[in-house]
Amino acid sequence: MPGLWLGVDPDRQLDAAEVYLRQAEAAVGTDDALLGTILVAQAYNLRARGITSRRFERAQRALSLLPQEDYLSRSLVALTLGLAYWNLGSFREAEQAFMQSTRLPNSRTTIIARLTALTYLG
């Protein structure tokens, strides 16, 4: 079966994750920081599934809700935006998003997003 790796179907996992993320979004209440984190995960999931209709809206909304000091979530959303633009062939926008990821403070929590962004920039 295509897409199977060790008996796991990634498409089914991504679809299931979207269901759980929607439930989390509905249950979060008024905690903007938590909602921002959920929106980051939704944007990543939509990008991974190749769905363009909502991924940019989710990512931009996440950025508006996340605290400035949440470097992990901000680096992940910038990376997600960069990859989404890259996949669309919008390389100027991808570069801007990747650069945003590299401008955040370097720490153990942001290193993977930072290195991935630097790889794409290279």
C-alpha atoms as a PDB file:
ATOM      1  CA  MET A   1       0.000   0.000   0.000  1.00  0.00           C
ATOM      2  CA  PRO A   2       1.414   3.438  -0.841  1.00  0.00           C
ATOM      3  CA  GLY A   3       2.207   5.648   2.125  1.00  0.00           C
ATOM      4  CA  LEU A   4       2.574   2.763   4.551  1.00  0.00           C
ATOM      5  CA  TRP A   5       5.603   2.649   6.752  1.00  0.00           C
ATOM      6  CA  LEU A   6       5.855  -0.001   9.403  1.00  0.00           C
ATOM      7  CA  GLY A   7       2.123  -0.567   9.149  1.00  0.00           C
ATOM      8  CA  VAL A   8       1.237   3.096   9.750  1.00  0.00           C
ATOM      9  CA  ASP A   9      -0.705   5.099   7.192  1.00  0.00           C
ATOM     10  CA  PRO A  10       0.495   8.727   7.549  1.00  0.00           C
ATOM     11  CA  ASP A  11      -2.533  10.137   5.725  1.00  0.00           C
ATOM     12  CA  ARG A  12      -4.899   8.485   8.183  1.00  0.00           C
ATOM     13  CA  GLN A  13      -2.834   9.766  11.100  1.00  0.00           C
ATOM     14  CA  LEU A  14      -2.897  13.317   9.736  1.00  0.00           C
ATOM     15  CA  ASP A  15      -6.661  13.090   9.200  1.00  0.00           C
ATOM     16  CA  ALA A  16      -7.149  11.816  12.753  1.00  0.00           C
ATOM     17  CA  ALA A  17      -4.906  14.575  14.110  1.00  0.00           C
ATOM     18  CA  GLU A  18      -7.073  17.187  12.378  1.00  0.00           C
ATOM     19  CA  VAL A  19     -10.154  15.829  14.158  1.00  0.00           C
ATOM     20  CA  TYR A  20      -8.414  16.049  17.544  1.00  0.00           C
ATOM     21  CA  LEU A  21      -7.075  19.523  16.790  1.00  0.00           C
ATOM     22  CA  ARG A  22     -10.567  20.763  15.899  1.00  0.00           C
ATOM     23  CA  GLN A  23     -11.864  19.321  19.176  1.00  0.00           C
ATOM     24  CA  ALA A  24      -9.055  21.027  21.080  1.00  0.00           C
ATOM     25  CA  GLU A  25      -9.801  24.333  19.349  1.00  0.00           C
ATOM     26  CA  ALA A  26     -13.465  24.077  20.331  1.00  0.00           C
ATOM     27  CA  ALA A  27     -12.590  23.263  23.949  1.00  0.00           C
ATOM     28  CA  VAL A  28      -9.844  25.830  24.544  1.00  0.00           C
ATOM     29  CA  GLY A  29     -12.069  28.663  25.699  1.00  0.00           C
ATOM     30  CA  THR A  30     -10.466  32.085  26.103  1.00  0.00           C
ATOM     31  CA  ASP A  31      -6.810  31.051  26.492  1.00  0.00           C
ATOM     32  CA  ASP A  32      -5.282  32.835  23.484  1.00  0.00           C
ATOM     33  CA  ALA A  33      -1.802  31.379  24.017  1.00  0.00           C
ATOM     34  CA  LEU A  34      -3.139  27.825  24.022  1.00  0.00           C
ATOM     35  CA  LEU A  35      -5.347  28.542  21.015  1.00  0.00           C
ATOM     36  CA  GLY A  36      -2.295  29.932  19.210  1.00  0.00           C
ATOM     37  CA  THR A  37      -0.407  26.707  19.870  1.00  0.00           C
ATOM     38  CA  ILE A  38      -3.318  24.644  18.546  1.00  0.00           C
ATOM     39  CA  LEU A  39      -3.459  26.823  15.426  1.00  0.00           C
ATOM     40  CA  VAL A  40       0.267  26.228  14.840  1.00  0.00           C
ATOM     41  CA  ALA A  41      -0.375  22.483  14.904  1.00  0.00           C
ATOM     42  CA  GLN A  42      -3.374  22.885  12.584  1.00  0.00           C
ATOM     43  CA  ALA A  43      -1.325  24.938  10.103  1.00  0.00           C
ATOM     44  CA  TYR A  44       1.434  22.313  10.128  1.00  0.00           C
ATOM     45  CA  ASN A  45      -1.087  19.511   9.670  1.00  0.00           C
ATOM     46  CA  LEU A  46      -2.810  21.295   6.777  1.00  0.00           C
ATOM     47  CA  ARG A  47       0.545  21.896   5.084  1.00  0.00           C
ATOM     48  CA  ALA A  48       1.560  18.253   5.554  1.00  0.00           C
ATOM     49  CA  ARG A  49      -1.746  17.162   4.016  1.00  0.00           C
ATOM     50  CA  GLY A  50      -1.358  19.562   1.072  1.00  0.00           C
ATOM     51  CA  ILE A  51      -4.454  21.575   1.949  1.00  0.00           C
ATOM     52  CA  THR A  52      -3.913  25.205   1.035  1.00  0.00           C
ATOM     53  CA  SER A  53      -7.312  26.687   1.820  1.00  0.00           C
ATOM     54  CA  ARG A  54      -6.813  27.302   5.553  1.00  0.00           C
ATOM     55  CA  ARG A  55      -3.143  26.836   6.363  1.00  0.00           C
ATOM     56  CA  PHE A  56      -2.113  30.455   5.863  1.00  0.00           C
ATOM     57  CA  GLU A  57      -5.106  31.766   7.810  1.00  0.00           C
ATOM     58  CA  ARG A  58      -4.345  29.399  10.688  1.00  0.00           C
ATOM     59  CA  ALA A  59      -0.664  30.363  10.744  1.00  0.00           C
ATOM     60  CA  GLN A  60      -1.333  34.107  10.631  1.00  0.00           C
ATOM     61  CA  ARG A  61      -3.969  33.838  13.339  1.00  0.00           C
ATOM     62  CA  ALA A  62      -1.551  31.827  15.488  1.00  0.00           C
ATOM     63  CA  LEU A  63       1.062  34.582  15.172  1.00  0.00           C
ATOM     64  CA  SER A  64      -1.485  37.156  16.313  1.00  0.00           C
ATOM     65  CA  LEU A  65      -2.332  35.119  19.437  1.00  0.00           C
ATOM     66  CA  LEU A  66       1.009  33.678  20.527  1.00  0.00           C
ATOM     67  CA  PRO A  67       2.948  35.497  23.228  1.00  0.00           C
ATOM     68  CA  GLN A  68       6.125  37.131  21.915  1.00  0.00           C
ATOM     69  CA  GLU A  69       8.214  34.983  24.271  1.00  0.00           C
ATOM     70  CA  ASP A  70       6.781  31.674  22.933  1.00  0.00           C
ATOM     71  CA  TYR A  71       9.808  31.148  20.713  1.00  0.00           C
ATOM     72  CA  LEU A  72       9.095  27.477  20.079  1.00  0.00           C
ATOM     73  CA  SER A  73       5.609  28.032  18.651  1.00  0.00           C
ATOM     74  CA  ARG A  74       6.704  31.146  16.753  1.00  0.00           C
ATOM     75  CA  SER A  75       9.643  29.291  15.174  1.00  0.00           C
ATOM     76  CA  LEU A  76       7.388  26.393  14.193  1.00  0.00           C
ATOM     77  CA  VAL A  77       4.745  28.627  12.623  1.00  0.00           C
ATOM     78  CA  ALA A  78       7.410  30.586  10.703  1.00  0.00           C
ATOM     79  CA  LEU A  79       8.893  27.315   9.467  1.00  0.00           C
ATOM     80  CA  THR A  80       5.441  26.020   8.521  1.00  0.00           C
ATOM     81  CA  LEU A  81       4.741  29.196   6.559  1.00  0.00           C
ATOM     82  CA  GLY A  82       8.112  28.954   4.844  1.00  0.00           C
ATOM     83  CA  LEU A  83       7.508  25.356   3.809  1.00  0.00           C
ATOM     84  CA  ALA A  84       3.984  26.164   2.622  1.00  0.00           C
ATOM     85  CA  TYR A  85       5.237  29.017   0.445  1.00  0.00           C
ATOM     86  CA  TRP A  86       8.137  26.865  -0.787  1.00  0.00           C
ATOM     87  CA  ASN A  87       5.727  24.105  -1.828  1.00  0.00           C
ATOM     88  CA  LEU A  88       3.719  26.669  -3.807  1.00  0.00           C
ATOM     89  CA  GLY A  89       6.835  27.985  -5.544  1.00  0.00           C
ATOM     90  CA  SER A  90       6.513  31.362  -3.781  1.00  0.00           C
ATOM     91  CA  PHE A  91      10.192  31.542  -2.931  1.00  0.00           C
ATOM     92  CA  ARG A  92      10.350  35.219  -1.921  1.00  0.00           C
ATOM     93  CA  GLU A  93       7.610  34.691   0.672  1.00  0.00           C
ATOM     94  CA  ALA A  94       9.267  31.444   1.754  1.00  0.00           C
ATOM     95  CA  GLU A  95      12.556  33.279   2.277  1.00  0.00           C
ATOM     96  CA  GLN A  96      10.863  35.908   4.448  1.00  0.00           C
ATOM     97  CA  ALA A  97       9.205  33.244   6.603  1.00  0.00           C
ATOM     98  CA  PHE A  98      12.415  31.224   6.935  1.00  0.00           C
ATOM     99  CA  MET A  99      14.307  34.394   7.895  1.00  0.00           C
ATOM    100  CA  GLN A 100      11.728  35.078  10.605  1.00  0.00           C
ATOM    101  CA  SER A 101      12.416  31.626  12.015  1.00  0.00           C
ATOM    102  CA  THR A 102      16.161  32.318  12.142  1.00  0.00           C
ATOM    103  CA  ARG A 103      15.702  35.712  13.853  1.00  0.00           C
ATOM    104  CA  LEU A 104      14.166  34.219  16.965  1.00  0.00           C
ATOM    105  CA  PRO A 105      16.496  33.574  19.895  1.00  0.00           C
ATOM    106  CA  ASN A 106      18.539  30.422  19.414  1.00  0.00           C
ATOM    107  CA  SER A 107      17.734  27.808  22.041  1.00  0.00           C
ATOM    108  CA  ARG A 108      17.279  24.087  22.443  1.00  0.00           C
ATOM    109  CA  THR A 109      13.571  24.515  21.715  1.00  0.00           C
ATOM    110  CA  THR A 110      14.035  26.364  18.429  1.00  0.00           C
ATOM    111  CA  ILE A 111      17.117  24.639  17.017  1.00  0.00           C
ATOM    112  CA  ILE A 112      15.323  22.171  14.708  1.00  0.00           C
ATOM    113  CA  ALA A 113      13.129  24.862  13.127  1.00  0.00           C
ATOM    114  CA  ARG A 114      16.145  27.163  12.851  1.00  0.00           C
ATOM    115  CA  LEU A 115      18.348  24.532  11.191  1.00  0.00           C
ATOM    116  CA  THR A 116      15.579  23.496   8.811  1.00  0.00           C
ATOM    117  CA  ALA A 117      14.963  27.133   7.845  1.00  0.00           C
ATOM    118  CA  LEU A 118      18.707  27.680   7.306  1.00  0.00           C
ATOM    119  CA  THR A 119      18.837  24.573   5.121  1.00  0.00           C
ATOM    120  CA  TYR A 120      16.082  25.898   2.881  1.00  0.00           C
ATOM    121  CA  LEU A 121      17.666  29.349   2.799  1.00  0.00           C
ATOM    122  CA  GLY A 122      20.928  27.724   1.667  1.00  0.00           C
END
